[in-house]
Amino acid sequence: MKQPFNPGDRTYHVSDERLRAFKALTPEQRLRWVEELANFLRLAKVSKKKSSSH
């Protein structure tokens, strides 16, 4: 039986350059980025549910 994936087990590495680029964004740009990311993750989750139900 396949073990369910625990999202808490994820690890990420973000370079100093990418952190500086994010820090340089305006608050509005940061919020837009977060909203776009959240939308992408929702779409990916819905797509995964549809593909696993076939």
Protein backbone atom coordinates (compact mmCIF):
# COMPACT_ATOMS: atom_id res chain seq x y z
CA MET A 1 0.00 0.00 0.00
CA LYS A 2 1.32 3.41 -0.99
CA GLN A 3 2.09 5.81 1.88
CA PRO A 4 0.32 9.19 1.58
CA PHE A 5 2.65 12.11 0.91
CA ASN A 6 3.18 14.35 3.91
CA PRO A 7 3.47 17.97 2.65
CA GLY A 8 5.40 18.80 5.82
CA ASP A 9 8.28 16.66 4.53
CA ARG A 10 9.04 19.12 1.72
CA THR A 11 12.25 21.11 1.80
CA TYR A 12 13.19 24.05 -0.39
CA HIS A 13 16.36 25.93 -1.20
CA VAL A 14 16.00 29.53 -2.27
CA SER A 15 19.12 31.33 -3.42
CA ASP A 16 20.15 34.66 -1.95
CA GLU A 17 19.65 36.17 -5.42
CA ARG A 18 16.01 35.04 -5.55
CA LEU A 19 15.41 36.30 -2.01
CA ARG A 20 16.83 39.71 -2.98
CA ALA A 21 14.61 39.79 -6.09
CA PHE A 22 11.51 39.07 -3.98
CA LYS A 23 12.53 41.66 -1.40
CA ALA A 24 12.85 44.26 -4.19
CA LEU A 25 9.18 43.82 -5.17
CA THR A 26 6.61 46.30 -3.97
CA PRO A 27 4.02 45.01 -1.47
CA GLU A 28 1.42 44.99 -4.28
CA GLN A 29 3.73 42.93 -6.51
CA ARG A 30 4.38 40.49 -3.65
CA LEU A 31 0.66 40.03 -3.03
CA ARG A 32 0.02 39.47 -6.74
CA TRP A 33 2.82 36.87 -6.80
CA VAL A 34 1.34 35.06 -3.79
CA GLU A 35 -2.16 35.13 -5.33
CA GLU A 36 -0.86 33.73 -8.63
CA LEU A 37 1.01 30.98 -6.81
CA ALA A 38 -2.07 30.06 -4.75
CA ASN A 39 -4.18 29.93 -7.92
CA PHE A 40 -1.63 27.70 -9.63
CA LEU A 41 -1.58 25.32 -6.65
CA ARG A 42 -5.39 25.16 -6.59
CA LEU A 43 -5.48 24.35 -10.31
CA ALA A 44 -2.81 21.68 -9.88
CA LYS A 45 -4.75 20.11 -7.01
CA VAL A 46 -8.00 20.05 -9.03
CA SER A 47 -6.18 18.58 -12.03
CA LYS A 48 -4.62 15.87 -9.86
CA LYS A 49 -8.02 14.94 -8.40
CA LYS A 50 -9.54 14.68 -11.91
CA SER A 51 -6.68 12.52 -13.22
CA SER A 52 -6.73 10.18 -10.21
CA SER A 53 -10.49 9.62 -10.48
CA HIS A 54 -10.18 8.06 -13.97
